[in-house]
Amino acid sequence: MPERTPYIAANWKMNKTVAEAAEFIDALLPRIAATQCDVVICPPFTALSEVVQRRYGTAVKVAAQNMHEGESGAFTGEVSAAMLVELDVEAVVLGHSERRQYFDETDEALARKVPAALAADLEPILCVGESEGARDAGETEEVLERQLQADLADVESGDLARVVIAYEPIWAIGTGRTATPEQAQETCAFIRDVLRMRGAAADELRVIYGGSMKPANAAELLAKPDVDGGLIGGASLDPADFAAIVEAAG
């Protein structure tokens, strides 16, 4: 079984000005200089260029928080894959629960976005996850399988391992609640099994956890064999906290 490199991504959401982003990166880089993890920073669009410039010469990668599937056109407020690549952005978050909930992003749209990102050689960080109601009704696996099959419908089997899957239990985002390490492991293993059935090189594919991971619980979550990293929200806004999570990942 190939050893998967831990993947730790900082999703800043709608936080940090350009100046604040620069200050963060300058504080973070010395703290994580020795890491063997894949570290990814996901700033707002306005700070992408600043973060890209400041991380040059390091192993840190930069991801956008969204993109449109089209190459160009009358899509006011949207950004294409080519525009991100021009900035030396390497990855993109797709299907975050907040995009689905607040901006009506659909599985049909994601089925177009994921192949578009791959075609541009951007690494998609595809978010999937269930609501509290679905979890309580015992529908977690049904919801996740439906999202995975729909969102990845037009991705070739050989390309599936190029997608990073972020498991986001919606009930644990911004609520202070966290899935137990056992729940995270069980669900991440299920996601891997679904993609194995699709023909993915599932032992190479990285599945990360995206629900209120913090320095206090990171080590326990990341110790689980099918939890390959984290998509960090609130704790990614402080360089010391984020660096502590990177350190916990090894």
C-alpha atoms as a PDB file:
ATOM      1  CA  MET A   1       0.000   0.000   0.000  1.00  0.00           C
ATOM      2  CA  PRO A   2       1.512   3.366  -0.981  1.00  0.00           C
ATOM      3  CA  GLU A   3       2.049   5.828   1.847  1.00  0.00           C
ATOM      4  CA  ARG A   4      -0.143   8.887   1.412  1.00  0.00           C
ATOM      5  CA  THR A   5       1.373  12.289   2.152  1.00  0.00           C
ATOM      6  CA  PRO A   6      -0.744  14.164   4.734  1.00  0.00           C
ATOM      7  CA  TYR A   7      -2.671  17.060   3.197  1.00  0.00           C
ATOM      8  CA  ILE A   8      -3.439  20.082   5.394  1.00  0.00           C
ATOM      9  CA  ALA A   9      -5.418  22.928   3.807  1.00  0.00           C
ATOM     10  CA  ALA A  10      -6.290  26.318   5.339  1.00  0.00           C
ATOM     11  CA  ASN A  11      -9.693  27.546   4.163  1.00  0.00           C
ATOM     12  CA  TRP A  12      -9.797  31.213   5.155  1.00  0.00           C
ATOM     13  CA  LYS A  13     -13.297  31.698   3.715  1.00  0.00           C
ATOM     14  CA  MET A  14     -14.181  35.440   3.540  1.00  0.00           C
ATOM     15  CA  ASN A  15     -11.387  36.521   5.872  1.00  0.00           C
ATOM     16  CA  LYS A  16      -8.100  38.442   5.585  1.00  0.00           C
ATOM     17  CA  THR A  17      -7.202  41.483   3.558  1.00  0.00           C
ATOM     18  CA  VAL A  18      -4.106  41.406   1.367  1.00  0.00           C
ATOM     19  CA  ALA A  19      -2.053  42.939   4.186  1.00  0.00           C
ATOM     20  CA  GLU A  20      -3.375  40.415   6.697  1.00  0.00           C
ATOM     21  CA  ALA A  21      -2.661  37.555   4.308  1.00  0.00           C
ATOM     22  CA  ALA A  22       0.930  38.720   3.883  1.00  0.00           C
ATOM     23  CA  GLU A  23       1.387  38.951   7.641  1.00  0.00           C
ATOM     24  CA  PHE A  24      -0.011  35.449   8.104  1.00  0.00           C
ATOM     25  CA  ILE A  25       2.235  33.824   5.486  1.00  0.00           C
ATOM     26  CA  ASP A  26       5.342  35.528   6.840  1.00  0.00           C
ATOM     27  CA  ALA A  27       4.489  34.232  10.320  1.00  0.00           C
ATOM     28  CA  LEU A  28       3.585  30.719   9.135  1.00  0.00           C
ATOM     29  CA  LEU A  29       6.454  29.796   6.847  1.00  0.00           C
ATOM     30  CA  PRO A  30       9.217  29.645   9.493  1.00  0.00           C
ATOM     31  CA  ARG A  31       6.979  27.493  11.687  1.00  0.00           C
ATOM     32  CA  ILE A  32       6.426  24.821   9.030  1.00  0.00           C
ATOM     33  CA  ALA A  33       9.742  24.928   7.192  1.00  0.00           C
ATOM     34  CA  ALA A  34      10.583  21.309   8.072  1.00  0.00           C
ATOM     35  CA  THR A  35       7.189  19.752   7.361  1.00  0.00           C
ATOM     36  CA  GLN A  36       6.852  16.775   5.051  1.00  0.00           C
ATOM     37  CA  CYS A  37       3.111  17.409   4.601  1.00  0.00           C
ATOM     38  CA  ASP A  38       1.366  18.984   1.658  1.00  0.00           C
ATOM     39  CA  VAL A  39       0.319  22.388   3.020  1.00  0.00           C
ATOM     40  CA  VAL A  40      -2.256  24.366   1.043  1.00  0.00           C
ATOM     41  CA  ILE A  41      -3.493  27.900   1.702  1.00  0.00           C
ATOM     42  CA  CYS A  42      -6.950  28.856   0.364  1.00  0.00           C
ATOM     43  CA  PRO A  43      -7.250  32.669   0.534  1.00  0.00           C
ATOM     44  CA  PRO A  44     -10.062  34.824  -0.841  1.00  0.00           C
ATOM     45  CA  PHE A  45      -9.610  35.783  -4.503  1.00  0.00           C
ATOM     46  CA  THR A  46      -8.229  39.223  -3.643  1.00  0.00           C
ATOM     47  CA  ALA A  47      -5.286  37.745  -1.715  1.00  0.00           C
ATOM     48  CA  LEU A  48      -4.375  34.890  -4.063  1.00  0.00           C
ATOM     49  CA  SER A  49      -1.575  36.734  -5.852  1.00  0.00           C
ATOM     50  CA  GLU A  50      -0.026  37.996  -2.605  1.00  0.00           C
ATOM     51  CA  VAL A  51       0.031  34.525  -1.065  1.00  0.00           C
ATOM     52  CA  VAL A  52       1.410  32.985  -4.256  1.00  0.00           C
ATOM     53  CA  GLN A  53       4.243  35.509  -4.348  1.00  0.00           C
ATOM     54  CA  ARG A  54       5.177  35.045  -0.692  1.00  0.00           C
ATOM     55  CA  ARG A  55       5.205  31.265  -0.782  1.00  0.00           C
ATOM     56  CA  TYR A  56       7.634  31.035  -3.751  1.00  0.00           C
ATOM     57  CA  GLY A  57      10.654  28.951  -2.837  1.00  0.00           C
ATOM     58  CA  THR A  58       8.669  26.849  -0.354  1.00  0.00           C
ATOM     59  CA  ALA A  59       6.587  23.681  -0.644  1.00  0.00           C
ATOM     60  CA  VAL A  60       3.355  25.513   0.231  1.00  0.00           C
ATOM     61  CA  LYS A  61       0.647  25.376  -2.416  1.00  0.00           C
ATOM     62  CA  VAL A  62      -2.186  27.850  -3.007  1.00  0.00           C
ATOM     63  CA  ALA A  63      -5.826  27.039  -3.757  1.00  0.00           C
ATOM     64  CA  ALA A  64      -8.784  29.180  -4.731  1.00  0.00           C
ATOM     65  CA  GLN A  65     -12.068  28.745  -2.869  1.00  0.00           C
ATOM     66  CA  ASN A  66     -14.203  28.341  -6.001  1.00  0.00           C
ATOM     67  CA  MET A  67     -14.137  28.563  -9.804  1.00  0.00           C
ATOM     68  CA  HIS A  68     -16.498  28.520 -12.755  1.00  0.00           C
ATOM     69  CA  GLU A  69     -16.431  25.601 -15.157  1.00  0.00           C
ATOM     70  CA  GLY A  70     -16.491  27.772 -18.279  1.00  0.00           C
ATOM     71  CA  GLU A  71     -13.404  29.036 -20.084  1.00  0.00           C
ATOM     72  CA  SER A  72     -14.861  32.539 -20.434  1.00  0.00           C
ATOM     73  CA  GLY A  73     -18.165  34.264 -20.989  1.00  0.00           C
ATOM     74  CA  ALA A  74     -20.945  36.366 -19.518  1.00  0.00           C
ATOM     75  CA  PHE A  75     -20.654  35.082 -15.954  1.00  0.00           C
ATOM     76  CA  THR A  76     -20.394  38.201 -13.825  1.00  0.00           C
ATOM     77  CA  GLY A  77     -18.424  37.697 -10.631  1.00  0.00           C
ATOM     78  CA  GLU A  78     -16.955  34.341 -11.663  1.00  0.00           C
ATOM     79  CA  VAL A  79     -13.356  33.208 -12.213  1.00  0.00           C
ATOM     80  CA  SER A  80     -12.157  30.528 -14.634  1.00  0.00           C
ATOM     81  CA  ALA A  81      -9.558  27.809 -14.223  1.00  0.00           C
ATOM     82  CA  ALA A  82      -7.256  29.567 -16.696  1.00  0.00           C
ATOM     83  CA  MET A  83      -7.382  32.750 -14.609  1.00  0.00           C
ATOM     84  CA  LEU A  84      -6.272  30.791 -11.551  1.00  0.00           C
ATOM     85  CA  VAL A  85      -3.497  29.009 -13.407  1.00  0.00           C
ATOM     86  CA  GLU A  86      -2.213  32.369 -14.674  1.00  0.00           C
ATOM     87  CA  LEU A  87      -1.691  33.360 -11.006  1.00  0.00           C
ATOM     88  CA  ASP A  88       0.253  30.118 -10.318  1.00  0.00           C
ATOM     89  CA  VAL A  89      -2.584  28.754  -8.192  1.00  0.00           C
ATOM     90  CA  GLU A  90      -2.332  24.960  -8.000  1.00  0.00           C
ATOM     91  CA  ALA A  91      -5.640  23.806  -6.509  1.00  0.00           C
ATOM     92  CA  VAL A  92      -9.262  24.772  -5.995  1.00  0.00           C
ATOM     93  CA  VAL A  93     -11.915  24.008  -3.359  1.00  0.00           C
ATOM     94  CA  LEU A  94     -15.137  22.821  -4.977  1.00  0.00           C
ATOM     95  CA  GLY A  95     -18.533  22.083  -3.459  1.00  0.00           C
ATOM     96  CA  HIS A  96     -17.901  23.452   0.022  1.00  0.00           C
ATOM     97  CA  SER A  97     -21.028  23.075   2.137  1.00  0.00           C
ATOM     98  CA  GLU A  98     -21.350  26.861   2.375  1.00  0.00           C
ATOM     99  CA  ARG A  99     -21.328  27.110  -1.419  1.00  0.00           C
ATOM    100  CA  ARG A 100     -23.994  24.427  -1.584  1.00  0.00           C
ATOM    101  CA  GLN A 101     -26.107  25.944   1.206  1.00  0.00           C
ATOM    102  CA  TYR A 102     -25.845  29.698   0.591  1.00  0.00           C
ATOM    103  CA  PHE A 103     -25.213  29.858  -3.156  1.00  0.00           C
ATOM    104  CA  ASP A 104     -27.245  26.881  -4.357  1.00  0.00           C
ATOM    105  CA  GLU A 105     -24.283  25.066  -5.867  1.00  0.00           C
ATOM    106  CA  THR A 106     -25.570  21.798  -7.268  1.00  0.00           C
ATOM    107  CA  ASP A 107     -24.088  18.405  -7.952  1.00  0.00           C
ATOM    108  CA  GLU A 108     -24.780  19.058 -11.627  1.00  0.00           C
ATOM    109  CA  ALA A 109     -22.546  22.152 -11.533  1.00  0.00           C
ATOM    110  CA  LEU A 110     -19.843  20.269  -9.682  1.00  0.00           C
ATOM    111  CA  ALA A 111     -19.946  17.490 -12.270  1.00  0.00           C
ATOM    112  CA  ARG A 112     -18.773  20.163 -14.738  1.00  0.00           C
ATOM    113  CA  LYS A 113     -16.350  21.950 -12.413  1.00  0.00           C
ATOM    114  CA  VAL A 114     -14.284  18.962 -11.325  1.00  0.00           C
ATOM    115  CA  PRO A 115     -13.322  17.860 -14.876  1.00  0.00           C
ATOM    116  CA  ALA A 116     -12.643  21.491 -15.818  1.00  0.00           C
ATOM    117  CA  ALA A 117     -10.232  21.832 -12.911  1.00  0.00           C
ATOM    118  CA  LEU A 118      -8.462  18.581 -13.798  1.00  0.00           C
ATOM    119  CA  ALA A 119      -8.197  19.614 -17.452  1.00  0.00           C
ATOM    120  CA  ALA A 120      -6.408  22.791 -16.320  1.00  0.00           C
ATOM    121  CA  ASP A 121      -4.089  20.728 -14.080  1.00  0.00           C
ATOM    122  CA  LEU A 122      -5.650  22.225 -10.943  1.00  0.00           C
ATOM    123  CA  GLU A 123      -6.023  19.858  -8.016  1.00  0.00           C
ATOM    124  CA  PRO A 124      -9.719  19.741  -7.023  1.00  0.00           C
ATOM    125  CA  ILE A 125     -10.486  19.598  -3.292  1.00  0.00           C
ATOM    126  CA  LEU A 126     -14.018  18.226  -3.561  1.00  0.00           C
ATOM    127  CA  CYS A 127     -16.146  18.653  -0.435  1.00  0.00           C
ATOM    128  CA  VAL A 128     -18.891  16.208   0.448  1.00  0.00           C
ATOM    129  CA  GLY A 129     -20.861  15.803   3.655  1.00  0.00           C
ATOM    130  CA  GLU A 130     -24.166  15.205   5.349  1.00  0.00           C
ATOM    131  CA  SER A 131     -26.441  17.396   7.442  1.00  0.00           C
ATOM    132  CA  GLU A 132     -27.271  16.728  11.074  1.00  0.00           C
ATOM    133  CA  GLY A 133     -30.697  15.471  10.011  1.00  0.00           C
ATOM    134  CA  ALA A 134     -29.184  13.000   7.553  1.00  0.00           C
ATOM    135  CA  ARG A 135     -26.686  11.778  10.158  1.00  0.00           C
ATOM    136  CA  ASP A 136     -29.423  11.291  12.760  1.00  0.00           C
ATOM    137  CA  ALA A 137     -31.600   9.458  10.229  1.00  0.00           C
ATOM    138  CA  GLY A 138     -28.789   7.038   9.400  1.00  0.00           C
ATOM    139  CA  GLU A 139     -28.469   8.412   5.855  1.00  0.00           C
ATOM    140  CA  THR A 140     -24.801   9.455   5.929  1.00  0.00           C
ATOM    141  CA  GLU A 141     -23.600   6.794   3.504  1.00  0.00           C
ATOM    142  CA  GLU A 142     -26.519   7.339   1.130  1.00  0.00           C
ATOM    143  CA  VAL A 143     -25.874  11.091   0.978  1.00  0.00           C
ATOM    144  CA  LEU A 144     -22.131  10.728   0.488  1.00  0.00           C
ATOM    145  CA  GLU A 145     -22.406   8.082  -2.199  1.00  0.00           C
ATOM    146  CA  ARG A 146     -24.955  10.171  -4.084  1.00  0.00           C
ATOM    147  CA  GLN A 147     -22.697  13.251  -3.956  1.00  0.00           C
ATOM    148  CA  LEU A 148     -19.573  11.345  -4.970  1.00  0.00           C
ATOM    149  CA  GLN A 149     -21.208   9.562  -7.869  1.00  0.00           C
ATOM    150  CA  ALA A 150     -22.843  12.755  -9.158  1.00  0.00           C
ATOM    151  CA  ASP A 151     -19.922  15.140  -8.674  1.00  0.00           C
ATOM    152  CA  LEU A 152     -17.379  12.748 -10.215  1.00  0.00           C
ATOM    153  CA  ALA A 153     -19.639  11.360 -12.948  1.00  0.00           C
ATOM    154  CA  ASP A 154     -17.483  12.685 -15.788  1.00  0.00           C
ATOM    155  CA  VAL A 155     -14.081  11.987 -14.240  1.00  0.00           C
ATOM    156  CA  GLU A 156     -12.198   9.037 -15.706  1.00  0.00           C
ATOM    157  CA  SER A 157     -11.301   6.261 -13.274  1.00  0.00           C
ATOM    158  CA  GLY A 158      -7.615   6.908 -13.820  1.00  0.00           C
ATOM    159  CA  ASP A 159      -8.030  10.532 -12.759  1.00  0.00           C
ATOM    160  CA  LEU A 160      -9.996   9.938  -9.544  1.00  0.00           C
ATOM    161  CA  ALA A 161      -6.871   9.718  -7.381  1.00  0.00           C
ATOM    162  CA  ARG A 162      -5.959  13.229  -8.555  1.00  0.00           C
ATOM    163  CA  VAL A 163      -8.969  14.559  -6.636  1.00  0.00           C
ATOM    164  CA  VAL A 164      -8.647  15.270  -2.909  1.00  0.00           C
ATOM    165  CA  ILE A 165     -11.914  14.464  -1.146  1.00  0.00           C
ATOM    166  CA  ALA A 166     -12.781  16.559   1.906  1.00  0.00           C
ATOM    167  CA  TYR A 167     -15.352  14.954   4.193  1.00  0.00           C
ATOM    168  CA  GLU A 168     -17.316  17.772   5.818  1.00  0.00           C
ATOM    169  CA  PRO A 169     -19.924  16.704   8.349  1.00  0.00           C
ATOM    170  CA  ILE A 170     -22.057  19.825   7.985  1.00  0.00           C
ATOM    171  CA  TRP A 171     -23.201  19.524  11.583  1.00  0.00           C
ATOM    172  CA  ALA A 172     -19.581  19.989  12.701  1.00  0.00           C
ATOM    173  CA  ILE A 173     -18.669  23.110  10.699  1.00  0.00           C
ATOM    174  CA  GLY A 174     -18.492  26.294  12.723  1.00  0.00           C
ATOM    175  CA  THR A 175     -20.556  24.703  15.491  1.00  0.00           C
ATOM    176  CA  GLY A 176     -17.748  23.642  17.797  1.00  0.00           C
ATOM    177  CA  ARG A 177     -18.910  20.045  17.400  1.00  0.00           C
ATOM    178  CA  THR A 178     -16.509  17.548  15.903  1.00  0.00           C
ATOM    179  CA  ALA A 179     -17.015  14.033  14.645  1.00  0.00           C
ATOM    180  CA  THR A 180     -15.316  11.545  16.922  1.00  0.00           C
ATOM    181  CA  PRO A 181     -12.104  10.077  15.538  1.00  0.00           C
ATOM    182  CA  GLU A 182     -14.013   6.822  15.087  1.00  0.00           C
ATOM    183  CA  GLN A 183     -16.790   8.542  13.109  1.00  0.00           C
ATOM    184  CA  ALA A 184     -14.226  10.344  10.948  1.00  0.00           C
ATOM    185  CA  GLN A 185     -12.342   7.111  10.271  1.00  0.00           C
ATOM    186  CA  GLU A 186     -15.479   5.135   9.445  1.00  0.00           C
ATOM    187  CA  THR A 187     -16.770   7.764   7.045  1.00  0.00           C
ATOM    188  CA  CYS A 188     -13.446   8.458   5.320  1.00  0.00           C
ATOM    189  CA  ALA A 189     -12.978   4.704   4.834  1.00  0.00           C
ATOM    190  CA  PHE A 190     -16.466   4.513   3.315  1.00  0.00           C
ATOM    191  CA  ILE A 191     -15.618   7.316   0.870  1.00  0.00           C
ATOM    192  CA  ARG A 192     -12.474   5.469  -0.164  1.00  0.00           C
ATOM    193  CA  ASP A 193     -14.483   2.278  -0.706  1.00  0.00           C
ATOM    194  CA  VAL A 194     -17.032   4.079  -2.892  1.00  0.00           C
ATOM    195  CA  LEU A 195     -14.272   5.395  -5.125  1.00  0.00           C
ATOM    196  CA  ARG A 196     -12.536   2.013  -5.167  1.00  0.00           C
ATOM    197  CA  MET A 197     -15.751   0.609  -6.638  1.00  0.00           C
ATOM    198  CA  ARG A 198     -15.525   3.346  -9.288  1.00  0.00           C
ATOM    199  CA  GLY A 199     -12.099   2.026 -10.260  1.00  0.00           C
ATOM    200  CA  ALA A 200     -10.028   4.615  -8.418  1.00  0.00           C
ATOM    201  CA  ALA A 201      -6.544   3.842  -7.178  1.00  0.00           C
ATOM    202  CA  ALA A 202      -8.095   4.222  -3.746  1.00  0.00           C
ATOM    203  CA  ASP A 203      -4.929   3.532  -1.779  1.00  0.00           C
ATOM    204  CA  GLU A 204      -3.393   6.612  -3.419  1.00  0.00           C
ATOM    205  CA  LEU A 205      -6.438   8.876  -3.109  1.00  0.00           C
ATOM    206  CA  ARG A 206      -6.413  11.272  -0.177  1.00  0.00           C
ATOM    207  CA  VAL A 207      -9.518  11.739   1.958  1.00  0.00           C
ATOM    208  CA  ILE A 208      -9.284  14.588   4.463  1.00  0.00           C
ATOM    209  CA  TYR A 209     -11.528  15.680   7.334  1.00  0.00           C
ATOM    210  CA  GLY A 210     -13.207  19.093   7.304  1.00  0.00           C
ATOM    211  CA  GLY A 211     -15.185  19.587  10.500  1.00  0.00           C
ATOM    212  CA  SER A 212     -13.777  21.835  13.239  1.00  0.00           C
ATOM    213  CA  MET A 213     -10.285  20.345  13.401  1.00  0.00           C
ATOM    214  CA  LYS A 214      -8.190  22.256  15.952  1.00  0.00           C
ATOM    215  CA  PRO A 215      -4.771  21.845  17.603  1.00  0.00           C
ATOM    216  CA  ALA A 216      -6.447  20.090  20.530  1.00  0.00           C
ATOM    217  CA  ASN A 217      -8.030  17.312  18.471  1.00  0.00           C
ATOM    218  CA  ALA A 218      -5.875  17.197  15.329  1.00  0.00           C
ATOM    219  CA  ALA A 219      -3.437  14.491  16.414  1.00  0.00           C
ATOM    220  CA  GLU A 220      -6.190  12.060  17.407  1.00  0.00           C
ATOM    221  CA  LEU A 221      -8.118  12.594  14.172  1.00  0.00           C
ATOM    222  CA  LEU A 222      -5.023  12.446  11.963  1.00  0.00           C
ATOM    223  CA  ALA A 223      -3.850   9.217  13.596  1.00  0.00           C
ATOM    224  CA  LYS A 224      -6.709   7.321  11.970  1.00  0.00           C
ATOM    225  CA  PRO A 225      -5.569   5.279   8.952  1.00  0.00           C
ATOM    226  CA  ASP A 226      -8.089   6.671   6.456  1.00  0.00           C
ATOM    227  CA  VAL A 227      -7.931  10.323   7.585  1.00  0.00           C
ATOM    228  CA  ASP A 228      -5.230  11.780   5.357  1.00  0.00           C
ATOM    229  CA  GLY A 229      -5.358  15.386   6.523  1.00  0.00           C
ATOM    230  CA  GLY A 230      -7.709  18.251   7.192  1.00  0.00           C
ATOM    231  CA  LEU A 231      -9.550  21.145   5.563  1.00  0.00           C
ATOM    232  CA  ILE A 232      -9.189  23.666   8.369  1.00  0.00           C
ATOM    233  CA  GLY A 233     -11.568  26.595   8.831  1.00  0.00           C
ATOM    234  CA  GLY A 234     -11.473  28.727  11.978  1.00  0.00           C
ATOM    235  CA  ALA A 235      -8.186  27.332  13.282  1.00  0.00           C
ATOM    236  CA  SER A 236      -6.476  28.223   9.997  1.00  0.00           C
ATOM    237  CA  LEU A 237      -6.818  31.956  10.650  1.00  0.00           C
ATOM    238  CA  ASP A 238      -4.083  31.956  13.288  1.00  0.00           C
ATOM    239  CA  PRO A 239      -0.600  30.969  12.062  1.00  0.00           C
ATOM    240  CA  ALA A 240       0.383  29.345  15.363  1.00  0.00           C
ATOM    241  CA  ASP A 241      -2.778  27.234  15.498  1.00  0.00           C
ATOM    242  CA  PHE A 242      -2.499  26.206  11.872  1.00  0.00           C
ATOM    243  CA  ALA A 243       1.187  25.365  12.261  1.00  0.00           C
ATOM    244  CA  ALA A 244       0.309  23.177  15.270  1.00  0.00           C
ATOM    245  CA  ILE A 245      -2.105  21.185  13.100  1.00  0.00           C
ATOM    246  CA  VAL A 246       0.526  20.801  10.391  1.00  0.00           C
ATOM    247  CA  GLU A 247       2.951  19.571  13.053  1.00  0.00           C
ATOM    248  CA  ALA A 248       0.376  17.067  14.312  1.00  0.00           C
ATOM    249  CA  ALA A 249       0.119  15.647  10.808  1.00  0.00           C
ATOM    250  CA  GLY A 250       3.822  14.764  10.811  1.00  0.00           C
END
